[in-house]
C-alpha cells in the first residue's frame, strides 16, 4: 500500500482548517480572568482560572499541531514525505494514515523514546 501525496495533502489541509476553526471559537476561553471580587465569587474565579489554563494548554497543542502540519506539507512539496527523518527509510503507510504529520519510522521513534 503506497501513500498518495495528494490525498495526504488534502487530509493535512482539512486538519489544518479544523484546528483553525477551533482556534477562532476558543479564543474567548483563554481570555484573562477578572479578579475583581465584587463581580464574581472566589469559587467562580477559581473555575474561570482553571478554564483559562486548560484553554491556554489547548491553544499551545493546536499551535504545535499546526506547525507539524506545515512541516508535513513542506515535506510533500519537497518530495520527502513518508521518509524517516533519521534513517531515510520509508515510513509505514499505516503509520502515516494514523498520523499524517509523523516524522519517524516506528523503529526510530521507539529508539527516540528510550
PDB file of N, CA and C in Angstrom:
ATOM      1  N   UNK A   1       0.850  -1.188   0.000  1.00  0.00           N
ATOM      2  CA  UNK A   1       0.000   0.000   0.000  1.00  0.00           C
ATOM      3  C   UNK A   1       0.890   1.244   0.000  1.00  0.00           C
ATOM      4  N   UNK A   2       0.759   2.048  -1.011  1.00  0.00           N
ATOM      5  CA  UNK A   2       1.544   3.275  -1.121  1.00  0.00           C
ATOM      6  C   UNK A   2       0.694   4.474  -0.706  1.00  0.00           C
ATOM      7  N   UNK A   3       1.370   5.477  -0.216  1.00  0.00           N
ATOM      8  CA  UNK A   3       0.695   6.708   0.208  1.00  0.00           C
ATOM      9  C   UNK A   3       0.628   7.667  -0.977  1.00  0.00           C
ATOM     10  N   UNK A   4      -0.555   8.195  -1.223  1.00  0.00           N
ATOM     11  CA  UNK A   4      -0.754   9.191  -2.273  1.00  0.00           C
ATOM     12  C   UNK A   4      -0.504  10.576  -1.668  1.00  0.00           C
ATOM     13  N   UNK A   5       0.554  11.271  -2.097  1.00  0.00           N
ATOM     14  CA  UNK A   5       0.842  12.593  -1.528  1.00  0.00           C
ATOM     15  C   UNK A   5      -0.316  13.579  -1.682  1.00  0.00           C
ATOM     16  N   UNK A   6      -1.044  13.499  -2.767  1.00  0.00           N
ATOM     17  CA  UNK A   6      -2.190  14.384  -2.965  1.00  0.00           C
ATOM     18  C   UNK A   6      -3.281  14.128  -1.940  1.00  0.00           C
ATOM     19  N   UNK A   7      -3.528  12.859  -1.650  1.00  0.00           N
ATOM     20  CA  UNK A   7      -4.517  12.503  -0.639  1.00  0.00           C
ATOM     21  C   UNK A   7      -4.063  12.975   0.747  1.00  0.00           C
ATOM     22  N   UNK A   8      -2.782  12.805   1.032  1.00  0.00           N
ATOM     23  CA  UNK A   8      -2.264  13.224   2.333  1.00  0.00           C
ATOM     24  C   UNK A   8      -2.303  14.751   2.457  1.00  0.00           C
ATOM     25  N   UNK A   9      -2.011  15.447   1.365  1.00  0.00           N
ATOM     26  CA  UNK A   9      -2.097  16.912   1.382  1.00  0.00           C
ATOM     27  C   UNK A   9      -3.528  17.344   1.716  1.00  0.00           C
ATOM     28  N   UNK A  10      -4.498  16.691   1.090  1.00  0.00           N
ATOM     29  CA  UNK A  10      -5.904  17.025   1.345  1.00  0.00           C
ATOM     30  C   UNK A  10      -6.257  16.771   2.811  1.00  0.00           C
ATOM     31  N   UNK A  11      -5.799  15.657   3.372  1.00  0.00           N
ATOM     32  CA  UNK A  11      -6.072  15.366   4.794  1.00  0.00           C
ATOM     33  C   UNK A  11      -5.433  16.405   5.697  1.00  0.00           C
ATOM     34  N   UNK A  12      -4.197  16.765   5.383  1.00  0.00           N
ATOM     35  CA  UNK A  12      -3.486  17.762   6.199  1.00  0.00           C
ATOM     36  C   UNK A  12      -4.174  19.124   6.121  1.00  0.00           C
ATOM     37  N   UNK A  13      -4.594  19.527   4.947  1.00  0.00           N
ATOM     38  CA  UNK A  13      -5.285  20.809   4.789  1.00  0.00           C
ATOM     39  C   UNK A  13      -6.620  20.814   5.523  1.00  0.00           C
ATOM     40  N   UNK A  14      -7.314  19.675   5.490  1.00  0.00           N
ATOM     41  CA  UNK A  14      -8.582  19.560   6.208  1.00  0.00           C
ATOM     42  C   UNK A  14      -8.356  19.648   7.720  1.00  0.00           C
ATOM     43  N   UNK A  15      -7.327  18.965   8.193  1.00  0.00           N
ATOM     44  CA  UNK A  15      -6.998  19.013   9.621  1.00  0.00           C
ATOM     45  C   UNK A  15      -6.615  20.431  10.040  1.00  0.00           C
ATOM     46  N   UNK A  16      -5.848  21.102   9.195  1.00  0.00           N
ATOM     47  CA  UNK A  16      -5.452  22.488   9.495  1.00  0.00           C
ATOM     48  C   UNK A  16      -6.676  23.397   9.569  1.00  0.00           C
ATOM     49  N   UNK A  17      -7.612  23.234   8.644  1.00  0.00           N
ATOM     50  CA  UNK A  17      -8.831  24.052   8.647  1.00  0.00           C
ATOM     51  C   UNK A  17      -9.653  23.805   9.908  1.00  0.00           C
ATOM     52  N   UNK A  18      -9.747  22.547  10.329  1.00  0.00           N
ATOM     53  CA  UNK A  18     -10.484  22.229  11.554  1.00  0.00           C
ATOM     54  C   UNK A  18      -9.841  22.894  12.768  1.00  0.00           C
ATOM     55  N   UNK A  19      -8.518  22.799  12.862  1.00  0.00           N
ATOM     56  CA  UNK A  19      -7.814  23.395  14.002  1.00  0.00           C
ATOM     57  C   UNK A  19      -7.942  24.910  14.007  1.00  0.00           C
ATOM     58  N   UNK A  20      -7.869  25.520  12.838  1.00  0.00           N
ATOM     59  CA  UNK A  20      -8.011  26.976  12.767  1.00  0.00           C
ATOM     60  C   UNK A  20      -9.420  27.399  13.148  1.00  0.00           C
ATOM     61  N   UNK A  21     -10.414  26.599  12.782  1.00  0.00           N
ATOM     62  CA  UNK A  21     -11.794  26.892  13.155  1.00  0.00           C
ATOM     63  C   UNK A  21     -11.979  26.798  14.666  1.00  0.00           C
ATOM     64  N   UNK A  22     -11.419  25.769  15.276  1.00  0.00           N
ATOM     65  CA  UNK A  22     -11.492  25.602  16.724  1.00  0.00           C
ATOM     66  C   UNK A  22     -10.775  26.757  17.420  1.00  0.00           C
ATOM     67  N   UNK A  23      -9.670  27.197  16.862  1.00  0.00           N
ATOM     68  CA  UNK A  23      -8.906  28.299  17.458  1.00  0.00           C
ATOM     69  C   UNK A  23      -9.739  29.575  17.506  1.00  0.00           C
ATOM     70  N   UNK A  24     -10.521  29.822  16.468  1.00  0.00           N
ATOM     71  CA  UNK A  24     -11.357  31.024  16.440  1.00  0.00           C
ATOM     72  C   UNK A  24     -12.436  30.975  17.515  1.00  0.00           C
ATOM     73  N   UNK A  25     -13.048  29.801  17.686  1.00  0.00           N
ATOM     74  CA  UNK A  25     -14.136  29.696  18.658  1.00  0.00           C
ATOM     75  C   UNK A  25     -13.632  29.616  20.094  1.00  0.00           C
ATOM     76  N   UNK A  26     -12.398  29.174  20.300  1.00  0.00           N
ATOM     77  CA  UNK A  26     -11.872  29.012  21.650  1.00  0.00           C
ATOM     78  C   UNK A  26     -11.103  30.196  22.178  1.00  0.00           C
ATOM     79  N   UNK A  27     -10.992  31.259  21.416  1.00  0.00           N
ATOM     80  CA  UNK A  27     -10.190  32.409  21.837  1.00  0.00           C
ATOM     81  C   UNK A  27     -10.727  33.059  23.107  1.00  0.00           C
ATOM     82  N   UNK A  28     -12.030  33.104  23.276  1.00  0.00           N
ATOM     83  CA  UNK A  28     -12.615  33.733  24.461  1.00  0.00           C
ATOM     84  C   UNK A  28     -12.290  32.980  25.742  1.00  0.00           C
ATOM     85  N   UNK A  29     -12.132  31.673  25.668  1.00  0.00           N
ATOM     86  CA  UNK A  29     -11.866  30.864  26.856  1.00  0.00           C
ATOM     87  C   UNK A  29     -10.511  31.166  27.468  1.00  0.00           C
ATOM     88  N   UNK A  30      -9.566  31.607  26.644  1.00  0.00           N
ATOM     89  CA  UNK A  30      -8.220  31.870  27.136  1.00  0.00           C
ATOM     90  C   UNK A  30      -8.042  33.316  27.588  1.00  0.00           C
ATOM     91  N   UNK A  31      -9.098  34.095  27.582  1.00  0.00           N
ATOM     92  CA  UNK A  31      -9.010  35.498  27.984  1.00  0.00           C
ATOM     93  C   UNK A  31      -8.614  35.611  29.451  1.00  0.00           C
ATOM     94  N   UNK A  32      -8.043  36.739  29.804  1.00  0.00           N
ATOM     95  CA  UNK A  32      -7.596  36.983  31.174  1.00  0.00           C
ATOM     96  C   UNK A  32      -8.797  36.969  32.114  1.00  0.00           C
ATOM     97  N   UNK A  33      -8.621  36.308  33.253  1.00  0.00           N
ATOM     98  CA  UNK A  33      -9.696  36.192  34.240  1.00  0.00           C
ATOM     99  C   UNK A  33      -9.759  37.473  35.066  1.00  0.00           C
ATOM    100  N   UNK A  34     -10.959  38.012  35.197  1.00  0.00           N
ATOM    101  CA  UNK A  34     -11.198  39.210  36.015  1.00  0.00           C
ATOM    102  C   UNK A  34     -11.075  38.827  37.486  1.00  0.00           C
ATOM    103  N   UNK A  35     -10.242  39.531  38.236  1.00  0.00           N
ATOM    104  CA  UNK A  35     -10.010  39.203  39.642  1.00  0.00           C
ATOM    105  C   UNK A  35     -10.752  40.123  40.596  1.00  0.00           C
ATOM    106  N   UNK A  36     -11.676  40.893  40.123  1.00  0.00           N
ATOM    107  CA  UNK A  36     -12.457  41.798  40.967  1.00  0.00           C
ATOM    108  C   UNK A  36     -13.444  40.989  41.798  1.00  0.00           C
ATOM    109  N   UNK A  37     -13.203  40.908  43.108  1.00  0.00           N
ATOM    110  CA  UNK A  37     -14.032  40.093  43.985  1.00  0.00           C
ATOM    111  C   UNK A  37     -15.464  40.604  44.097  1.00  0.00           C
ATOM    112  N   UNK A  38     -15.689  41.866  43.786  1.00  0.00           N
ATOM    113  CA  UNK A  38     -17.049  42.390  43.863  1.00  0.00           C
ATOM    114  C   UNK A  38     -17.911  41.902  42.699  1.00  0.00           C
ATOM    115  N   UNK A  39     -17.277  41.408  41.636  1.00  0.00           N
ATOM    116  CA  UNK A  39     -18.025  40.962  40.463  1.00  0.00           C
ATOM    117  C   UNK A  39     -18.331  39.467  40.503  1.00  0.00           C
ATOM    118  N   UNK A  40     -17.361  38.650  40.928  1.00  0.00           N
ATOM    119  CA  UNK A  40     -17.592  37.202  40.965  1.00  0.00           C
ATOM    120  C   UNK A  40     -17.000  36.629  42.250  1.00  0.00           C
ATOM    121  N   UNK A  41     -17.530  35.517  42.680  1.00  0.00           N
ATOM    122  CA  UNK A  41     -17.069  34.882  43.911  1.00  0.00           C
ATOM    123  C   UNK A  41     -15.764  34.128  43.718  1.00  0.00           C
ATOM    124  N   UNK A  42     -15.187  33.706  44.849  1.00  0.00           N
ATOM    125  CA  UNK A  42     -13.893  33.033  44.849  1.00  0.00           C
ATOM    126  C   UNK A  42     -13.929  31.736  44.047  1.00  0.00           C
ATOM    127  N   UNK A  43     -14.940  30.909  44.247  1.00  0.00           N
ATOM    128  CA  UNK A  43     -15.016  29.638  43.519  1.00  0.00           C
ATOM    129  C   UNK A  43     -15.221  29.860  42.027  1.00  0.00           C
ATOM    130  N   UNK A  44     -15.999  30.854  41.683  1.00  0.00           N
ATOM    131  CA  UNK A  44     -16.203  31.173  40.266  1.00  0.00           C
ATOM    132  C   UNK A  44     -14.897  31.630  39.626  1.00  0.00           C
ATOM    133  N   UNK A  45     -14.117  32.421  40.375  1.00  0.00           N
ATOM    134  CA  UNK A  45     -12.816  32.862  39.859  1.00  0.00           C
ATOM    135  C   UNK A  45     -11.890  31.670  39.671  1.00  0.00           C
ATOM    136  N   UNK A  46     -11.895  30.744  40.648  1.00  0.00           N
ATOM    137  CA  UNK A  46     -11.037  29.557  40.545  1.00  0.00           C
ATOM    138  C   UNK A  46     -11.438  28.707  39.345  1.00  0.00           C
ATOM    139  N   UNK A  47     -12.731  28.543  39.139  1.00  0.00           N
ATOM    140  CA  UNK A  47     -13.212  27.807  37.969  1.00  0.00           C
ATOM    141  C   UNK A  47     -12.789  28.506  36.683  1.00  0.00           C
ATOM    142  N   UNK A  48     -12.924  29.818  36.672  1.00  0.00           N
ATOM    143  CA  UNK A  48     -12.546  30.590  35.486  1.00  0.00           C
ATOM    144  C   UNK A  48     -11.049  30.474  35.215  1.00  0.00           C
ATOM    145  N   UNK A  49     -10.249  30.512  36.276  1.00  0.00           N
ATOM    146  CA  UNK A  49      -8.795  30.405  36.113  1.00  0.00           C
ATOM    147  C   UNK A  49      -8.399  29.012  35.619  1.00  0.00           C
ATOM    148  N   UNK A  50      -9.073  27.986  36.128  1.00  0.00           N
ATOM    149  CA  UNK A  50      -8.809  26.630  35.660  1.00  0.00           C
ATOM    150  C   UNK A  50      -9.206  26.496  34.184  1.00  0.00           C
ATOM    151  N   UNK A  51     -10.348  27.029  33.826  1.00  0.00           N
ATOM    152  CA  UNK A  51     -10.788  27.006  32.435  1.00  0.00           C
ATOM    153  C   UNK A  51      -9.817  27.746  31.525  1.00  0.00           C
ATOM    154  N   UNK A  52      -9.300  28.863  32.032  1.00  0.00           N
ATOM    155  CA  UNK A  52      -8.325  29.638  31.260  1.00  0.00           C
ATOM    156  C   UNK A  52      -7.056  28.821  31.040  1.00  0.00           C
ATOM    157  N   UNK A  53      -6.564  28.158  32.088  1.00  0.00           N
ATOM    158  CA  UNK A  53      -5.348  27.353  31.975  1.00  0.00           C
ATOM    159  C   UNK A  53      -5.541  26.208  30.980  1.00  0.00           C
ATOM    160  N   UNK A  54      -6.706  25.573  31.027  1.00  0.00           N
ATOM    161  CA  UNK A  54      -6.973  24.482  30.091  1.00  0.00           C
ATOM    162  C   UNK A  54      -7.068  25.008  28.660  1.00  0.00           C
ATOM    163  N   UNK A  55      -7.681  26.169  28.489  1.00  0.00           N
ATOM    164  CA  UNK A  55      -7.798  26.761  27.151  1.00  0.00           C
ATOM    165  C   UNK A  55      -6.425  27.138  26.606  1.00  0.00           C
ATOM    166  N   UNK A  56      -5.550  27.656  27.462  1.00  0.00           N
ATOM    167  CA  UNK A  56      -4.202  28.008  27.021  1.00  0.00           C
ATOM    168  C   UNK A  56      -3.411  26.761  26.620  1.00  0.00           C
ATOM    169  N   UNK A  57      -3.556  25.679  27.395  1.00  0.00           N
ATOM    170  CA  UNK A  57      -2.872  24.432  27.051  1.00  0.00           C
ATOM    171  C   UNK A  57      -3.392  23.886  25.724  1.00  0.00           C
ATOM    172  N   UNK A  58      -4.690  23.962  25.514  1.00  0.00           N
ATOM    173  CA  UNK A  58      -5.273  23.515  24.240  1.00  0.00           C
ATOM    174  C   UNK A  58      -4.746  24.358  23.086  1.00  0.00           C
ATOM    175  N   UNK A  59      -4.647  25.658  23.306  1.00  0.00           N
ATOM    176  CA  UNK A  59      -4.128  26.550  22.265  1.00  0.00           C
ATOM    177  C   UNK A  59      -2.696  26.183  21.914  1.00  0.00           C
ATOM    178  N   UNK A  60      -1.882  25.897  22.927  1.00  0.00           N
ATOM    179  CA  UNK A  60      -0.491  25.531  22.672  1.00  0.00           C
ATOM    180  C   UNK A  60      -0.395  24.224  21.890  1.00  0.00           C
ATOM    181  N   UNK A  61      -1.245  23.244  22.235  1.00  0.00           N
ATOM    182  CA  UNK A  61      -1.251  21.973  21.491  1.00  0.00           C
ATOM    183  C   UNK A  61      -1.697  22.201  20.053  1.00  0.00           C
ATOM    184  N   UNK A  62      -2.709  23.052  19.859  1.00  0.00           N
ATOM    185  CA  UNK A  62      -3.177  23.366  18.494  1.00  0.00           C
ATOM    186  C   UNK A  62      -2.063  24.015  17.690  1.00  0.00           C
ATOM    187  N   UNK A  63      -1.368  24.974  18.289  1.00  0.00           N
ATOM    188  CA  UNK A  63      -0.284  25.660  17.586  1.00  0.00           C
ATOM    189  C   UNK A  63       0.836  24.689  17.212  1.00  0.00           C
ATOM    190  N   UNK A  64       1.166  23.764  18.120  1.00  0.00           N
ATOM    191  CA  UNK A  64       2.185  22.757  17.829  1.00  0.00           C
ATOM    192  C   UNK A  64       1.742  21.864  16.675  1.00  0.00           C
ATOM    193  N   UNK A  65       0.492  21.448  16.683  1.00  0.00           N
ATOM    194  CA  UNK A  65      -0.021  20.599  15.612  1.00  0.00           C
ATOM    195  C   UNK A  65      -0.040  21.354  14.289  1.00  0.00           C
ATOM    196  N   UNK A  66      -0.388  22.633  14.326  1.00  0.00           N
ATOM    197  CA  UNK A  66      -0.364  23.438  13.094  1.00  0.00           C
ATOM    198  C   UNK A  66       1.052  23.553  12.541  1.00  0.00           C
ATOM    199  N   UNK A  67       2.051  23.669  13.416  1.00  0.00           N
ATOM    200  CA  UNK A  67       3.450  23.698  12.951  1.00  0.00           C
ATOM    201  C   UNK A  67       3.834  22.355  12.332  1.00  0.00           C
ATOM    202  N   UNK A  68       3.375  21.255  12.935  1.00  0.00           N
ATOM    203  CA  UNK A  68       3.659  19.927  12.389  1.00  0.00           C
ATOM    204  C   UNK A  68       2.989  19.742  11.034  1.00  0.00           C
ATOM    205  N   UNK A  69       1.782  20.252  10.879  1.00  0.00           N
ATOM    206  CA  UNK A  69       1.077  20.171   9.603  1.00  0.00           C
ATOM    207  C   UNK A  69       1.823  20.965   8.538  1.00  0.00           C
ATOM    208  N   UNK A  70       2.258  22.168   8.886  1.00  0.00           N
ATOM    209  CA  UNK A  70       3.012  22.989   7.932  1.00  0.00           C
ATOM    210  C   UNK A  70       4.293  22.274   7.503  1.00  0.00           C
ATOM    211  N   UNK A  71       4.976  21.634   8.454  1.00  0.00           N
ATOM    212  CA  UNK A  71       6.201  20.907   8.128  1.00  0.00           C
ATOM    213  C   UNK A  71       5.902  19.711   7.224  1.00  0.00           C
ATOM    214  N   UNK A  72       4.802  19.002   7.491  1.00  0.00           N
ATOM    215  CA  UNK A  72       4.425  17.859   6.649  1.00  0.00           C
ATOM    216  C   UNK A  72       4.082  18.321   5.232  1.00  0.00           C
ATOM    217  N   UNK A  73       3.362  19.436   5.119  1.00  0.00           N
ATOM    218  CA  UNK A  73       3.045  19.972   3.790  1.00  0.00           C
ATOM    219  C   UNK A  73       4.323  20.365   3.045  1.00  0.00           C
ATOM    220  N   UNK A  74       5.293  20.914   3.765  1.00  0.00           N
ATOM    221  CA  UNK A  74       6.567  21.276   3.142  1.00  0.00           C
ATOM    222  C   UNK A  74       7.306  20.017   2.676  1.00  0.00           C
ATOM    223  N   UNK A  75       7.253  18.944   3.465  1.00  0.00           N
ATOM    224  CA  UNK A  75       7.896  17.687   3.058  1.00  0.00           C
ATOM    225  C   UNK A  75       7.229  17.132   1.794  1.00  0.00           C
ATOM    226  N   UNK A  76       5.903  17.305   1.684  1.00  0.00           N
ATOM    227  CA  UNK A  76       5.220  16.867   0.464  1.00  0.00           C
ATOM    228  C   UNK A  76       5.732  17.687  -0.717  1.00  0.00           C
ATOM    229  N   UNK A  77       5.835  19.005  -0.534  1.00  0.00           N
ATOM    230  CA  UNK A  77       6.332  19.879  -1.604  1.00  0.00           C
ATOM    231  C   UNK A  77       7.761  19.533  -2.001  1.00  0.00           C
ATOM    232  N   UNK A  78       8.572  19.135  -1.020  1.00  0.00           N
ATOM    233  CA  UNK A  78       9.979  18.806  -1.264  1.00  0.00           C
ATOM    234  C   UNK A  78      10.176  17.358  -1.695  1.00  0.00           C
ATOM    235  N   UNK A  79       9.073  16.623  -1.861  1.00  0.00           N
ATOM    236  CA  UNK A  79       9.101  15.212  -2.243  1.00  0.00           C
ATOM    237  C   UNK A  79       9.882  14.369  -1.228  1.00  0.00           C
ATOM    238  N   UNK A  80       9.741  14.726   0.060  1.00  0.00           N
ATOM    239  CA  UNK A  80      10.399  13.989   1.139  1.00  0.00           C
ATOM    240  C   UNK A  80       9.387  13.378   2.096  1.00  0.00           C
ATOM    241  N   UNK A  81       8.113  13.474   1.770  1.00  0.00           N
ATOM    242  CA  UNK A  81       7.061  12.987   2.659  1.00  0.00           C
ATOM    243  C   UNK A  81       7.086  11.463   2.697  1.00  0.00           C
ATOM    244  N   UNK A  82       6.936  10.914   3.902  1.00  0.00           N
ATOM    245  CA  UNK A  82       6.893   9.468   4.060  1.00  0.00           C
ATOM    246  C   UNK A  82       8.252   8.834   4.232  1.00  0.00           C
ATOM    247  N   UNK A  83       9.289   9.667   4.379  1.00  0.00           N
ATOM    248  CA  UNK A  83      10.645   9.175   4.581  1.00  0.00           C
ATOM    249  C   UNK A  83      11.084   9.567   5.988  1.00  0.00           C
ATOM    250  N   UNK A  84      11.614   8.612   6.732  1.00  0.00           N
ATOM    251  CA  UNK A  84      12.047   8.855   8.108  1.00  0.00           C
ATOM    252  C   UNK A  84      13.136   9.921   8.130  1.00  0.00           C
ATOM    253  N   UNK A  85      13.000  10.872   9.051  1.00  0.00           N
ATOM    254  CA  UNK A  85      13.957  11.973   9.170  1.00  0.00           C
ATOM    255  C   UNK A  85      15.297  11.521   9.739  1.00  0.00           C
ATOM    256  N   UNK A  86      15.346  10.321  10.333  1.00  0.00           N
ATOM    257  CA  UNK A  86      16.589   9.837  10.935  1.00  0.00           C
ATOM    258  C   UNK A  86      17.305   8.848  10.028  1.00  0.00           C
ATOM    259  N   UNK A  87      16.599   7.798   9.618  1.00  0.00           N
ATOM    260  CA  UNK A  87      17.265   6.715   8.883  1.00  0.00           C
ATOM    261  C   UNK A  87      17.025   6.750   7.374  1.00  0.00           C
ATOM    262  N   UNK A  88      16.200   7.671   6.894  1.00  0.00           N
ATOM    263  CA  UNK A  88      15.870   7.807   5.467  1.00  0.00           C
ATOM    264  C   UNK A  88      15.169   6.586   4.868  1.00  0.00           C
ATOM    265  N   UNK A  89      14.587   5.758   5.718  1.00  0.00           N
ATOM    266  CA  UNK A  89      13.805   4.612   5.244  1.00  0.00           C
ATOM    267  C   UNK A  89      12.339   5.042   5.123  1.00  0.00           C
ATOM    268  N   UNK A  90      11.562   4.371   4.290  1.00  0.00           N
ATOM    269  CA  UNK A  90      10.141   4.713   4.181  1.00  0.00           C
ATOM    270  C   UNK A  90       9.401   4.467   5.501  1.00  0.00           C
ATOM    271  N   UNK A  91       8.480   5.375   5.807  1.00  0.00           N
ATOM    272  CA  UNK A  91       7.628   5.224   6.978  1.00  0.00           C
ATOM    273  C   UNK A  91       6.439   4.366   6.558  1.00  0.00           C
ATOM    274  N   UNK A  92       6.044   3.442   7.417  1.00  0.00           N
ATOM    275  CA  UNK A  92       4.919   2.560   7.125  1.00  0.00           C
ATOM    276  C   UNK A  92       3.683   3.399   6.785  1.00  0.00           C
ATOM    277  N   UNK A  93       3.050   3.123   5.649  1.00  0.00           N
ATOM    278  CA  UNK A  93       1.860   3.894   5.251  1.00  0.00           C
ATOM    279  C   UNK A  93       0.753   3.896   6.307  1.00  0.00           C
ATOM    280  N   UNK A  94       0.599   2.793   7.043  1.00  0.00           N
ATOM    281  CA  UNK A  94      -0.421   2.751   8.093  1.00  0.00           C
ATOM    282  C   UNK A  94      -0.101   3.769   9.185  1.00  0.00           C
ATOM    283  N   UNK A  95       1.164   3.950   9.465  1.00  0.00           N
ATOM    284  CA  UNK A  95       1.585   4.940  10.466  1.00  0.00           C
ATOM    285  C   UNK A  95       1.247   6.347   9.978  1.00  0.00           C
ATOM    286  N   UNK A  96       1.474   6.604   8.700  1.00  0.00           N
ATOM    287  CA  UNK A  96       1.157   7.916   8.130  1.00  0.00           C
ATOM    288  C   UNK A  96      -0.353   8.151   8.067  1.00  0.00           C
ATOM    289  N   UNK A  97      -1.119   7.109   7.817  1.00  0.00           N
ATOM    290  CA  UNK A  97      -2.573   7.263   7.813  1.00  0.00           C
ATOM    291  C   UNK A  97      -3.092   7.586   9.204  1.00  0.00           C
ATOM    292  N   UNK A  98      -2.459   7.002  10.224  1.00  0.00           N
ATOM    293  CA  UNK A  98      -2.860   7.273  11.602  1.00  0.00           C
ATOM    294  C   UNK A  98      -2.501   8.693  12.003  1.00  0.00           C
ATOM    295  N   UNK A  99      -1.273   9.113  11.665  1.00  0.00           N
ATOM    296  CA  UNK A  99      -0.808  10.465  11.983  1.00  0.00           C
ATOM    297  C   UNK A  99      -0.039  11.010  10.785  1.00  0.00           C
ATOM    298  N   UNK A 100      -0.684  11.815   9.949  1.00  0.00           N
ATOM    299  CA  UNK A 100      -0.036  12.290   8.724  1.00  0.00           C
ATOM    300  C   UNK A 100       1.125  13.263   8.956  1.00  0.00           C
ATOM    301  N   UNK A 101       1.357  13.674  10.206  1.00  0.00           N
ATOM    302  CA  UNK A 101       2.458  14.599  10.491  1.00  0.00           C
ATOM    303  C   UNK A 101       3.703  13.883  11.006  1.00  0.00           C
ATOM    304  N   UNK A 102       3.645  12.566  11.116  1.00  0.00           N
ATOM    305  CA  UNK A 102       4.743  11.807  11.727  1.00  0.00           C
ATOM    306  C   UNK A 102       6.039  11.980  10.935  1.00  0.00           C
ATOM    307  N   UNK A 103       7.151  12.097  11.685  1.00  0.00           N
ATOM    308  CA  UNK A 103       8.469  12.310  11.088  1.00  0.00           C
ATOM    309  C   UNK A 103       9.339  11.061  11.055  1.00  0.00           C
ATOM    310  N   UNK A 104       9.072  10.129  11.968  1.00  0.00           N
ATOM    311  CA  UNK A 104       9.971   8.998  12.152  1.00  0.00           C
ATOM    312  C   UNK A 104       9.271   7.671  11.879  1.00  0.00           C
ATOM    313  N   UNK A 105      10.051   6.713  11.397  1.00  0.00           N
ATOM    314  CA  UNK A 105       9.535   5.351  11.285  1.00  0.00           C
ATOM    315  C   UNK A 105       9.381   4.800  12.704  1.00  0.00           C
ATOM    316  N   UNK A 106       8.719   3.680  12.820  1.00  0.00           N
ATOM    317  CA  UNK A 106       8.442   3.127  14.142  1.00  0.00           C
ATOM    318  C   UNK A 106       9.725   2.762  14.884  1.00  0.00           C
ATOM    319  N   UNK A 107      10.714   2.253  14.151  1.00  0.00           N
ATOM    320  CA  UNK A 107      11.992   1.874  14.779  1.00  0.00           C
ATOM    321  C   UNK A 107      12.696   3.080  15.371  1.00  0.00           C
ATOM    322  N   UNK A 108      12.806   4.139  14.604  1.00  0.00           N
ATOM    323  CA  UNK A 108      13.492   5.350  15.094  1.00  0.00           C
ATOM    324  C   UNK A 108      12.681   6.042  16.190  1.00  0.00           C
ATOM    325  N   UNK A 109      11.346   5.992  16.082  1.00  0.00           N
ATOM    326  CA  UNK A 109      10.502   6.583  17.120  1.00  0.00           C
ATOM    327  C   UNK A 109      10.678   5.816  18.426  1.00  0.00           C
ATOM    328  N   UNK A 110      10.768   4.495  18.351  1.00  0.00           N
ATOM    329  CA  UNK A 110      10.971   3.687  19.549  1.00  0.00           C
ATOM    330  C   UNK A 110      12.314   4.008  20.197  1.00  0.00           C
ATOM    331  N   UNK A 111      13.344   4.151  19.379  1.00  0.00           N
ATOM    332  CA  UNK A 111      14.673   4.487  19.904  1.00  0.00           C
ATOM    333  C   UNK A 111      14.671   5.879  20.549  1.00  0.00           C
ATOM    334  N   UNK A 112      13.947   6.812  19.944  1.00  0.00           N
ATOM    335  CA  UNK A 112      13.901   8.178  20.459  1.00  0.00           C
ATOM    336  C   UNK A 112      13.198   8.254  21.806  1.00  0.00           C
ATOM    337  N   UNK A 113      12.225   7.358  22.034  1.00  0.00           N
ATOM    338  CA  UNK A 113      11.502   7.355  23.306  1.00  0.00           C
ATOM    339  C   UNK A 113      12.351   6.857  24.456  1.00  0.00           C
ATOM    340  N   UNK A 114      13.348   6.052  24.158  1.00  0.00           N
ATOM    341  CA  UNK A 114      14.189   5.481  25.222  1.00  0.00           C
ATOM    342  C   UNK A 114      15.270   6.408  25.669  1.00  0.00           C
TER     343      UNK A 114
END
